[in-house]
Amino acid sequence: MKIEIFSEKVVKPFEFLGLKSEFLGVHIETLAFTWLAMILLFSAVLIMKYFLKKKLNPVALIFEQAVNFLDNLCKESFASHFKYEYFSFVSTIFFFTLSCCIVGLLPFVEEATKDLNTTFALGSMSFLYVQYQKIRNHGFLEFFKEFTQPFFVLLPLNVVGELAKVASMSLRLFGNILGGAIIFLILRNFLSVYKFHFIIFCSVVLVTYFIVNKFIDLKKYKILNFLYKMLLILTFAVAGIQMFFGIFEGFIQSFVLTMLTITYLSVALGQESDSDHKHVDHDTKLDAKELVKG
């Protein structure tokens, strides 16, 4: 059984300049799947916008609950430092990653997050945004001083530890999505040996079920009803497994990546509150000394 999971059609646009590095290559399939995910995401936004105009629409309520959940999560994590731009970034990370994961449910399409380049790009984007907010809120001097704590000698280790967050976020998402893809490919390749028999089996089960159900009340015949239910479950088992690894796992991995982003960002913003508390405590001590002297 051969699983060609790392086979990618790579185009090297700078090869005529002598730059043949794999790092400079463009993965055509991953690029196409990513753009397809973005088109689906944009289409979903337009559909949700249409349903939001209707009152008490179930689709609109589900979308509102999802947005409110992320909004409340950001407000609880960032507390007094909450800004709308933080929520926008976090929700974009979540919905974009989710769309890149579930796009694999479409025929002849694979998950864009199965490519390490995509997960590395998501991890790098999250990492750079957190560093940008650190510099923006604390200044470059405080940002640099963080890497020298508790001793200046530990500067290289602190830098490596900070960069390791990119690898942690990227490899976690890549590994889980890749693992799900491998399991599904193993199952699909196993069934491909009996592909013709499986198609006949599914066709016979579906046709006989509708015919029998039309002339016989299956509820009265518990054994026959149970037998047909088991056959229908077996018929749709493959599709169910794909749905599980596509939607459920994609949702979980998107949520994990989002939570890591929120955690790193809240820690970065929380440093400002710590420095403010130290400053307030210092001023309080000075005021107390002045009162004693007075």
C-alpha atoms as a PDB file:
ATOM      1  CA  MET A   1       0.000   0.000   0.000  1.00  0.00           C
ATOM      2  CA  LYS A   2       1.499   3.297  -1.105  1.00  0.00           C
ATOM      3  CA  ILE A   3       0.462   6.561   0.509  1.00  0.00           C
ATOM      4  CA  GLU A   4       1.725   9.563  -1.433  1.00  0.00           C
ATOM      5  CA  ILE A   5       1.053  12.135   1.220  1.00  0.00           C
ATOM      6  CA  PHE A   6       4.171  14.231   0.733  1.00  0.00           C
ATOM      7  CA  SER A   7       3.966  14.416  -3.054  1.00  0.00           C
ATOM      8  CA  GLU A   8       3.578  18.065  -4.027  1.00  0.00           C
ATOM      9  CA  LYS A   9       3.687  19.805  -7.373  1.00  0.00           C
ATOM     10  CA  VAL A  10       6.313  22.457  -6.755  1.00  0.00           C
ATOM     11  CA  VAL A  11       7.079  25.387  -9.041  1.00  0.00           C
ATOM     12  CA  LYS A  12      10.375  27.223  -8.573  1.00  0.00           C
ATOM     13  CA  PRO A  13       9.872  30.731 -10.030  1.00  0.00           C
ATOM     14  CA  PHE A  14      13.439  31.844  -9.253  1.00  0.00           C
ATOM     15  CA  GLU A  15      15.161  28.815 -10.737  1.00  0.00           C
ATOM     16  CA  PHE A  16      16.308  30.807 -13.776  1.00  0.00           C
ATOM     17  CA  LEU A  17      18.355  32.948 -11.371  1.00  0.00           C
ATOM     18  CA  GLY A  18      20.110  29.881 -10.000  1.00  0.00           C
ATOM     19  CA  LEU A  19      17.996  29.814  -6.802  1.00  0.00           C
ATOM     20  CA  LYS A  20      16.896  26.181  -6.580  1.00  0.00           C
ATOM     21  CA  SER A  21      16.194  26.004  -2.855  1.00  0.00           C
ATOM     22  CA  GLU A  22      13.038  24.152  -1.788  1.00  0.00           C
ATOM     23  CA  PHE A  23      12.289  27.062   0.532  1.00  0.00           C
ATOM     24  CA  LEU A  24      11.669  29.309  -2.486  1.00  0.00           C
ATOM     25  CA  GLY A  25       9.344  26.809  -4.194  1.00  0.00           C
ATOM     26  CA  VAL A  26       5.602  27.362  -4.576  1.00  0.00           C
ATOM     27  CA  HIS A  27       3.346  24.381  -3.838  1.00  0.00           C
ATOM     28  CA  ILE A  28       0.624  24.678  -6.475  1.00  0.00           C
ATOM     29  CA  GLU A  29      -1.867  22.321  -4.833  1.00  0.00           C
ATOM     30  CA  THR A  30      -1.534  23.928  -1.406  1.00  0.00           C
ATOM     31  CA  LEU A  31      -1.888  27.373  -2.941  1.00  0.00           C
ATOM     32  CA  ALA A  32      -5.027  26.314  -4.826  1.00  0.00           C
ATOM     33  CA  PHE A  33      -6.568  24.660  -1.744  1.00  0.00           C
ATOM     34  CA  THR A  34      -5.827  27.748   0.371  1.00  0.00           C
ATOM     35  CA  TRP A  35      -7.479  30.071  -2.132  1.00  0.00           C
ATOM     36  CA  LEU A  36     -10.445  27.704  -2.309  1.00  0.00           C
ATOM     37  CA  ALA A  37     -10.714  27.817   1.491  1.00  0.00           C
ATOM     38  CA  MET A  38     -10.680  31.620   1.409  1.00  0.00           C
ATOM     39  CA  ILE A  39     -13.384  31.668  -1.286  1.00  0.00           C
ATOM     40  CA  LEU A  40     -15.549  29.343   0.803  1.00  0.00           C
ATOM     41  CA  LEU A  41     -14.933  31.470   3.897  1.00  0.00           C
ATOM     42  CA  PHE A  42     -15.870  34.662   2.037  1.00  0.00           C
ATOM     43  CA  SER A  43     -18.982  32.948   0.656  1.00  0.00           C
ATOM     44  CA  ALA A  44     -19.946  31.794   4.150  1.00  0.00           C
ATOM     45  CA  VAL A  45     -19.643  35.377   5.404  1.00  0.00           C
ATOM     46  CA  LEU A  46     -21.999  36.594   2.665  1.00  0.00           C
ATOM     47  CA  ILE A  47     -24.470  33.818   3.484  1.00  0.00           C
ATOM     48  CA  MET A  48     -24.331  34.640   7.198  1.00  0.00           C
ATOM     49  CA  LYS A  49     -24.849  38.309   6.402  1.00  0.00           C
ATOM     50  CA  TYR A  50     -28.021  37.370   4.537  1.00  0.00           C
ATOM     51  CA  PHE A  51     -29.357  35.204   7.373  1.00  0.00           C
ATOM     52  CA  LEU A  52     -28.515  37.818  10.016  1.00  0.00           C
ATOM     53  CA  LYS A  53     -31.119  40.108   8.466  1.00  0.00           C
ATOM     54  CA  LYS A  54     -33.813  37.580   9.407  1.00  0.00           C
ATOM     55  CA  LYS A  55     -35.072  37.432  12.979  1.00  0.00           C
ATOM     56  CA  LEU A  56     -34.660  34.216  15.001  1.00  0.00           C
ATOM     57  CA  ASN A  57     -33.036  32.385  12.142  1.00  0.00           C
ATOM     58  CA  PRO A  58     -31.231  29.214  13.407  1.00  0.00           C
ATOM     59  CA  VAL A  59     -28.259  29.711  11.071  1.00  0.00           C
ATOM     60  CA  ALA A  60     -27.843  33.315  12.243  1.00  0.00           C
ATOM     61  CA  LEU A  61     -28.160  32.264  15.897  1.00  0.00           C
ATOM     62  CA  ILE A  62     -25.409  29.653  15.520  1.00  0.00           C
ATOM     63  CA  PHE A  63     -23.124  32.217  13.893  1.00  0.00           C
ATOM     64  CA  GLU A  64     -23.907  34.796  16.595  1.00  0.00           C
ATOM     65  CA  GLN A  65     -23.160  32.278  19.337  1.00  0.00           C
ATOM     66  CA  ALA A  66     -19.793  31.445  17.746  1.00  0.00           C
ATOM     67  CA  VAL A  67     -18.832  35.114  17.445  1.00  0.00           C
ATOM     68  CA  ASN A  68     -20.045  35.892  20.975  1.00  0.00           C
ATOM     69  CA  PHE A  69     -18.043  32.960  22.329  1.00  0.00           C
ATOM     70  CA  LEU A  70     -14.817  34.282  20.783  1.00  0.00           C
ATOM     71  CA  ASP A  71     -15.673  37.817  21.883  1.00  0.00           C
ATOM     72  CA  ASN A  72     -16.258  36.773  25.505  1.00  0.00           C
ATOM     73  CA  LEU A  73     -13.122  34.625  25.433  1.00  0.00           C
ATOM     74  CA  CYS A  74     -11.028  37.598  24.331  1.00  0.00           C
ATOM     75  CA  LYS A  75     -12.619  39.935  26.910  1.00  0.00           C
ATOM     76  CA  GLU A  76     -11.983  37.482  29.738  1.00  0.00           C
ATOM     77  CA  SER A  77      -8.386  36.829  28.625  1.00  0.00           C
ATOM     78  CA  PHE A  78      -7.337  40.418  27.905  1.00  0.00           C
ATOM     79  CA  ALA A  79      -9.466  42.035  30.653  1.00  0.00           C
ATOM     80  CA  SER A  80      -8.820  45.787  30.751  1.00  0.00           C
ATOM     81  CA  HIS A  81      -6.435  45.545  27.768  1.00  0.00           C
ATOM     82  CA  PHE A  82      -9.174  44.310  25.453  1.00  0.00           C
ATOM     83  CA  LYS A  83      -9.345  45.992  22.048  1.00  0.00           C
ATOM     84  CA  TYR A  84     -11.436  45.192  19.016  1.00  0.00           C
ATOM     85  CA  GLU A  85      -8.307  44.659  16.918  1.00  0.00           C
ATOM     86  CA  TYR A  86      -7.283  41.759  19.197  1.00  0.00           C
ATOM     87  CA  PHE A  87     -10.668  40.125  18.689  1.00  0.00           C
ATOM     88  CA  SER A  88     -10.424  40.670  14.930  1.00  0.00           C
ATOM     89  CA  PHE A  89      -7.031  38.999  14.737  1.00  0.00           C
ATOM     90  CA  VAL A  90      -8.008  36.058  16.949  1.00  0.00           C
ATOM     91  CA  SER A  91     -11.289  35.405  15.108  1.00  0.00           C
ATOM     92  CA  THR A  92      -9.489  35.622  11.750  1.00  0.00           C
ATOM     93  CA  ILE A  93      -6.963  33.018  12.899  1.00  0.00           C
ATOM     94  CA  PHE A  94      -9.757  30.706  14.041  1.00  0.00           C
ATOM     95  CA  PHE A  95     -12.070  30.902  11.028  1.00  0.00           C
ATOM     96  CA  PHE A  96      -9.261  30.854   8.460  1.00  0.00           C
ATOM     97  CA  THR A  97      -7.626  27.792  10.057  1.00  0.00           C
ATOM     98  CA  LEU A  98     -11.001  26.067  10.318  1.00  0.00           C
ATOM     99  CA  SER A  99     -11.797  26.731   6.655  1.00  0.00           C
ATOM    100  CA  CYS A 100      -8.367  25.394   5.620  1.00  0.00           C
ATOM    101  CA  CYS A 101      -9.086  22.215   7.601  1.00  0.00           C
ATOM    102  CA  ILE A 102     -12.649  21.462   6.480  1.00  0.00           C
ATOM    103  CA  VAL A 103     -11.955  22.250   2.813  1.00  0.00           C
ATOM    104  CA  GLY A 104     -10.631  18.695   2.654  1.00  0.00           C
ATOM    105  CA  LEU A 105     -14.221  17.429   2.801  1.00  0.00           C
ATOM    106  CA  LEU A 106     -14.704  18.478  -0.815  1.00  0.00           C
ATOM    107  CA  PRO A 107     -14.021  15.859  -3.523  1.00  0.00           C
ATOM    108  CA  PHE A 108     -10.443  15.815  -4.886  1.00  0.00           C
ATOM    109  CA  VAL A 109      -9.419  18.496  -2.358  1.00  0.00           C
ATOM    110  CA  GLU A 110      -7.042  18.110   0.587  1.00  0.00           C
ATOM    111  CA  GLU A 111      -6.575  20.149   3.734  1.00  0.00           C
ATOM    112  CA  ALA A 112      -4.369  23.186   3.201  1.00  0.00           C
ATOM    113  CA  THR A 113      -3.086  22.757   6.772  1.00  0.00           C
ATOM    114  CA  LYS A 114      -1.649  19.358   5.821  1.00  0.00           C
ATOM    115  CA  ASP A 115       1.246  21.299   4.316  1.00  0.00           C
ATOM    116  CA  LEU A 116       3.879  22.365   6.846  1.00  0.00           C
ATOM    117  CA  ASN A 117       4.318  25.658   4.973  1.00  0.00           C
ATOM    118  CA  THR A 118       0.730  26.660   5.789  1.00  0.00           C
ATOM    119  CA  THR A 119       0.959  25.808   9.490  1.00  0.00           C
ATOM    120  CA  PHE A 120       4.359  27.499   9.721  1.00  0.00           C
ATOM    121  CA  ALA A 121       2.890  30.629   8.130  1.00  0.00           C
ATOM    122  CA  LEU A 122       0.019  30.647  10.649  1.00  0.00           C
ATOM    123  CA  GLY A 123       2.389  30.138  13.574  1.00  0.00           C
ATOM    124  CA  SER A 124       4.770  32.835  12.299  1.00  0.00           C
ATOM    125  CA  MET A 125       1.922  35.293  11.779  1.00  0.00           C
ATOM    126  CA  SER A 126       0.669  34.755  15.319  1.00  0.00           C
ATOM    127  CA  PHE A 127       4.197  35.016  16.744  1.00  0.00           C
ATOM    128  CA  LEU A 128       5.018  38.236  14.873  1.00  0.00           C
ATOM    129  CA  TYR A 129       1.710  39.825  15.878  1.00  0.00           C
ATOM    130  CA  VAL A 130       2.413  39.113  19.553  1.00  0.00           C
ATOM    131  CA  GLN A 131       5.920  40.580  19.264  1.00  0.00           C
ATOM    132  CA  TYR A 132       4.516  43.646  17.503  1.00  0.00           C
ATOM    133  CA  GLN A 133       2.001  44.208  20.293  1.00  0.00           C
ATOM    134  CA  LYS A 134       4.760  43.826  22.899  1.00  0.00           C
ATOM    135  CA  ILE A 135       6.842  46.550  21.265  1.00  0.00           C
ATOM    136  CA  ARG A 136       3.783  48.717  20.680  1.00  0.00           C
ATOM    137  CA  ASN A 137       2.577  48.540  24.299  1.00  0.00           C
ATOM    138  CA  HIS A 138       5.872  48.465  26.202  1.00  0.00           C
ATOM    139  CA  GLY A 139       8.420  50.036  23.874  1.00  0.00           C
ATOM    140  CA  PHE A 140      11.468  48.426  22.314  1.00  0.00           C
ATOM    141  CA  LEU A 141      13.627  48.909  25.424  1.00  0.00           C
ATOM    142  CA  GLU A 142      11.246  46.959  27.674  1.00  0.00           C
ATOM    143  CA  PHE A 143      10.832  44.380  24.917  1.00  0.00           C
ATOM    144  CA  PHE A 144      14.584  43.820  24.790  1.00  0.00           C
ATOM    145  CA  LYS A 145      14.953  43.799  28.589  1.00  0.00           C
ATOM    146  CA  GLU A 146      12.537  40.868  28.778  1.00  0.00           C
ATOM    147  CA  PHE A 147      15.070  38.647  27.018  1.00  0.00           C
ATOM    148  CA  THR A 148      17.783  39.558  29.542  1.00  0.00           C
ATOM    149  CA  GLN A 149      15.777  38.392  32.557  1.00  0.00           C
ATOM    150  CA  PRO A 150      16.840  37.229  35.073  1.00  0.00           C
ATOM    151  CA  PHE A 151      20.432  37.469  33.804  1.00  0.00           C
ATOM    152  CA  PHE A 152      21.864  38.943  30.632  1.00  0.00           C
ATOM    153  CA  VAL A 153      23.783  35.707  30.030  1.00  0.00           C
ATOM    154  CA  LEU A 154      20.465  33.951  29.362  1.00  0.00           C
ATOM    155  CA  LEU A 155      19.721  36.187  26.354  1.00  0.00           C
ATOM    156  CA  PRO A 156      20.384  33.458  23.725  1.00  0.00           C
ATOM    157  CA  LEU A 157      18.286  30.899  25.618  1.00  0.00           C
ATOM    158  CA  ASN A 158      15.391  33.338  25.996  1.00  0.00           C
ATOM    159  CA  VAL A 159      15.492  34.126  22.280  1.00  0.00           C
ATOM    160  CA  VAL A 160      15.498  30.419  21.390  1.00  0.00           C
ATOM    161  CA  GLY A 161      12.655  29.807  23.836  1.00  0.00           C
ATOM    162  CA  GLU A 162      10.581  32.572  22.231  1.00  0.00           C
ATOM    163  CA  LEU A 163      11.238  31.273  18.721  1.00  0.00           C
ATOM    164  CA  ALA A 164      10.281  27.773  19.859  1.00  0.00           C
ATOM    165  CA  LYS A 165       6.689  29.003  20.139  1.00  0.00           C
ATOM    166  CA  VAL A 166       6.529  29.170  16.345  1.00  0.00           C
ATOM    167  CA  ALA A 167       7.642  25.551  16.030  1.00  0.00           C
ATOM    168  CA  SER A 168       5.249  24.485  18.781  1.00  0.00           C
ATOM    169  CA  MET A 169       2.204  26.093  17.149  1.00  0.00           C
ATOM    170  CA  SER A 170       3.149  25.021  13.619  1.00  0.00           C
ATOM    171  CA  LEU A 171       4.084  21.388  14.305  1.00  0.00           C
ATOM    172  CA  ARG A 172       1.118  20.807  16.616  1.00  0.00           C
ATOM    173  CA  LEU A 173      -1.393  21.796  13.944  1.00  0.00           C
ATOM    174  CA  PHE A 174       0.561  20.095  11.145  1.00  0.00           C
ATOM    175  CA  GLY A 175       1.007  16.834  13.050  1.00  0.00           C
ATOM    176  CA  ASN A 176      -2.630  16.438  14.036  1.00  0.00           C
ATOM    177  CA  ILE A 177      -4.028  17.261  10.602  1.00  0.00           C
ATOM    178  CA  LEU A 178      -1.424  15.028   8.946  1.00  0.00           C
ATOM    179  CA  GLY A 179      -2.244  12.201  11.331  1.00  0.00           C
ATOM    180  CA  GLY A 180      -5.934  12.428  10.491  1.00  0.00           C
ATOM    181  CA  ALA A 181      -5.138  12.461   6.771  1.00  0.00           C
ATOM    182  CA  ILE A 182      -2.942   9.357   7.101  1.00  0.00           C
ATOM    183  CA  ILE A 183      -5.642   7.432   8.967  1.00  0.00           C
ATOM    184  CA  PHE A 184      -8.237   8.299   6.341  1.00  0.00           C
ATOM    185  CA  LEU A 185      -5.863   7.414   3.491  1.00  0.00           C
ATOM    186  CA  ILE A 186      -5.125   4.043   5.072  1.00  0.00           C
ATOM    187  CA  LEU A 187      -8.836   3.334   5.320  1.00  0.00           C
ATOM    188  CA  ARG A 188      -9.474   4.549   1.769  1.00  0.00           C
ATOM    189  CA  ASN A 189      -6.625   2.466   0.319  1.00  0.00           C
ATOM    190  CA  PHE A 190      -7.852  -0.572   2.219  1.00  0.00           C
ATOM    191  CA  LEU A 191     -11.346  -0.153   0.787  1.00  0.00           C
ATOM    192  CA  SER A 192     -10.003   0.525  -2.700  1.00  0.00           C
ATOM    193  CA  VAL A 193      -9.114  -3.169  -2.976  1.00  0.00           C
ATOM    194  CA  TYR A 194     -12.794  -3.980  -2.514  1.00  0.00           C
ATOM    195  CA  LYS A 195     -14.045  -0.822  -4.203  1.00  0.00           C
ATOM    196  CA  PHE A 196     -16.307  -2.602  -6.710  1.00  0.00           C
ATOM    197  CA  HIS A 197     -17.791  -4.908  -4.054  1.00  0.00           C
ATOM    198  CA  PHE A 198     -18.343  -1.988  -1.663  1.00  0.00           C
ATOM    199  CA  ILE A 199     -20.215   0.044  -4.308  1.00  0.00           C
ATOM    200  CA  ILE A 200     -22.491  -2.925  -5.073  1.00  0.00           C
ATOM    201  CA  PHE A 201     -23.043  -3.502  -1.362  1.00  0.00           C
ATOM    202  CA  CYS A 202     -24.024   0.144  -0.739  1.00  0.00           C
ATOM    203  CA  SER A 203     -26.342   0.195  -3.755  1.00  0.00           C
ATOM    204  CA  VAL A 204     -28.107  -3.013  -2.755  1.00  0.00           C
ATOM    205  CA  VAL A 205     -28.557  -1.888   0.853  1.00  0.00           C
ATOM    206  CA  LEU A 206     -30.012   1.501  -0.096  1.00  0.00           C
ATOM    207  CA  VAL A 207     -32.329   0.160  -2.807  1.00  0.00           C
ATOM    208  CA  THR A 208     -33.644  -2.750  -0.737  1.00  0.00           C
ATOM    209  CA  TYR A 209     -34.117  -0.525   2.313  1.00  0.00           C
ATOM    210  CA  PHE A 210     -36.383   1.936   0.471  1.00  0.00           C
ATOM    211  CA  ILE A 211     -38.295  -0.894  -1.210  1.00  0.00           C
ATOM    212  CA  VAL A 212     -38.817  -2.889   1.986  1.00  0.00           C
ATOM    213  CA  ASN A 213     -39.648   0.235   4.006  1.00  0.00           C
ATOM    214  CA  LYS A 214     -42.324   1.165   1.482  1.00  0.00           C
ATOM    215  CA  PHE A 215     -44.232  -2.134   1.702  1.00  0.00           C
ATOM    216  CA  ILE A 216     -43.383  -3.253   5.254  1.00  0.00           C
ATOM    217  CA  ASP A 217     -43.496  -1.372   8.528  1.00  0.00           C
ATOM    218  CA  LEU A 218     -40.005  -2.084   9.832  1.00  0.00           C
ATOM    219  CA  LYS A 219     -40.916  -0.914  13.317  1.00  0.00           C
ATOM    220  CA  LYS A 220     -42.966  -4.062  13.794  1.00  0.00           C
ATOM    221  CA  TYR A 221     -40.023  -6.299  12.879  1.00  0.00           C
ATOM    222  CA  LYS A 222     -37.323  -5.346  15.359  1.00  0.00           C
ATOM    223  CA  ILE A 223     -34.713  -7.796  14.114  1.00  0.00           C
ATOM    224  CA  LEU A 224     -35.094  -6.724  10.476  1.00  0.00           C
ATOM    225  CA  ASN A 225     -35.134  -3.057  11.476  1.00  0.00           C
ATOM    226  CA  PHE A 226     -31.965  -3.503  13.552  1.00  0.00           C
ATOM    227  CA  LEU A 227     -30.256  -5.342  10.671  1.00  0.00           C
ATOM    228  CA  TYR A 228     -30.999  -2.558   8.189  1.00  0.00           C
ATOM    229  CA  LYS A 229     -29.836   0.100  10.644  1.00  0.00           C
ATOM    230  CA  MET A 230     -26.506  -1.667  11.067  1.00  0.00           C
ATOM    231  CA  LEU A 231     -26.113  -1.993   7.286  1.00  0.00           C
ATOM    232  CA  LEU A 232     -26.875   1.716   6.790  1.00  0.00           C
ATOM    233  CA  ILE A 233     -24.348   2.636   9.483  1.00  0.00           C
ATOM    234  CA  LEU A 234     -21.732   0.501   7.731  1.00  0.00           C
ATOM    235  CA  THR A 235     -22.639   2.087   4.384  1.00  0.00           C
ATOM    236  CA  PHE A 236     -22.036   5.619   5.621  1.00  0.00           C
ATOM    237  CA  ALA A 237     -19.132   4.726   7.938  1.00  0.00           C
ATOM    238  CA  VAL A 238     -16.445   5.952   5.534  1.00  0.00           C
ATOM    239  CA  ALA A 239     -18.190   9.272   4.984  1.00  0.00           C
ATOM    240  CA  GLY A 240     -18.728   9.577   8.739  1.00  0.00           C
ATOM    241  CA  ILE A 241     -15.052   9.013   9.482  1.00  0.00           C
ATOM    242  CA  GLN A 242     -14.074  11.636   6.930  1.00  0.00           C
ATOM    243  CA  MET A 243     -16.585  14.076   8.454  1.00  0.00           C
ATOM    244  CA  PHE A 244     -15.126  13.396  11.901  1.00  0.00           C
ATOM    245  CA  PHE A 245     -11.524  14.008  10.905  1.00  0.00           C
ATOM    246  CA  GLY A 246     -12.559  16.942   8.714  1.00  0.00           C
ATOM    247  CA  ILE A 247     -14.912  18.924  10.943  1.00  0.00           C
ATOM    248  CA  PHE A 248     -14.374  17.831  14.537  1.00  0.00           C
ATOM    249  CA  GLU A 249     -10.607  17.566  14.406  1.00  0.00           C
ATOM    250  CA  GLY A 250     -10.354  20.723  12.302  1.00  0.00           C
ATOM    251  CA  PHE A 251     -12.458  22.594  14.855  1.00  0.00           C
ATOM    252  CA  ILE A 252     -10.383  21.327  17.785  1.00  0.00           C
ATOM    253  CA  GLN A 253      -7.059  22.181  16.130  1.00  0.00           C
ATOM    254  CA  SER A 254      -8.289  25.634  15.108  1.00  0.00           C
ATOM    255  CA  PHE A 255      -9.432  26.253  18.668  1.00  0.00           C
ATOM    256  CA  VAL A 256      -6.094  25.084  20.102  1.00  0.00           C
ATOM    257  CA  LEU A 257      -4.147  27.393  17.774  1.00  0.00           C
ATOM    258  CA  THR A 258      -6.489  30.261  18.680  1.00  0.00           C
ATOM    259  CA  MET A 259      -6.095  29.599  22.408  1.00  0.00           C
ATOM    260  CA  LEU A 260      -2.306  29.585  22.099  1.00  0.00           C
ATOM    261  CA  THR A 261      -2.475  32.929  20.305  1.00  0.00           C
ATOM    262  CA  ILE A 262      -4.758  34.368  23.002  1.00  0.00           C
ATOM    263  CA  THR A 263      -2.510  33.027  25.761  1.00  0.00           C
ATOM    264  CA  TYR A 264       0.720  34.436  24.312  1.00  0.00           C
ATOM    265  CA  LEU A 265      -0.947  37.771  23.575  1.00  0.00           C
ATOM    266  CA  SER A 266      -2.580  38.068  27.002  1.00  0.00           C
ATOM    267  CA  VAL A 267       0.762  37.311  28.693  1.00  0.00           C
ATOM    268  CA  ALA A 268       2.445  39.973  26.556  1.00  0.00           C
ATOM    269  CA  LEU A 269      -0.220  42.535  27.425  1.00  0.00           C
ATOM    270  CA  GLY A 270      -0.275  41.495  31.078  1.00  0.00           C
ATOM    271  CA  GLN A 271       3.357  42.541  31.513  1.00  0.00           C
ATOM    272  CA  GLU A 272       2.213  46.127  31.203  1.00  0.00           C
ATOM    273  CA  SER A 273      -0.199  45.725  34.089  1.00  0.00           C
ATOM    274  CA  ASP A 274       2.572  44.168  36.216  1.00  0.00           C
ATOM    275  CA  SER A 275       4.841  47.140  35.568  1.00  0.00           C
ATOM    276  CA  ASP A 276       1.955  49.503  36.335  1.00  0.00           C
ATOM    277  CA  HIS A 277       1.302  47.745  39.653  1.00  0.00           C
ATOM    278  CA  LYS A 278       4.983  48.041  40.569  1.00  0.00           C
ATOM    279  CA  HIS A 279       4.885  51.714  39.704  1.00  0.00           C
ATOM    280  CA  VAL A 280       1.740  52.243  41.797  1.00  0.00           C
ATOM    281  CA  ASP A 281       3.216  50.340  44.749  1.00  0.00           C
ATOM    282  CA  HIS A 282       6.374  52.422  44.513  1.00  0.00           C
ATOM    283  CA  ASP A 283       4.369  55.665  44.512  1.00  0.00           C
ATOM    284  CA  THR A 284       2.282  54.428  47.452  1.00  0.00           C
ATOM    285  CA  LYS A 285       5.425  53.719  49.466  1.00  0.00           C
ATOM    286  CA  LEU A 286       6.759  57.185  48.713  1.00  0.00           C
ATOM    287  CA  ASP A 287       3.493  58.782  49.803  1.00  0.00           C
ATOM    288  CA  ALA A 288       3.511  56.766  53.008  1.00  0.00           C
ATOM    289  CA  LYS A 289       7.054  57.901  53.808  1.00  0.00           C
ATOM    290  CA  GLU A 290       6.093  61.510  53.213  1.00  0.00           C
ATOM    291  CA  LEU A 291       3.087  61.135  55.499  1.00  0.00           C
ATOM    292  CA  VAL A 292       5.277  59.657  58.250  1.00  0.00           C
ATOM    293  CA  LYS A 293       7.777  62.477  57.890  1.00  0.00           C
ATOM    294  CA  GLY A 294       4.922  64.949  57.921  1.00  0.00           C
END
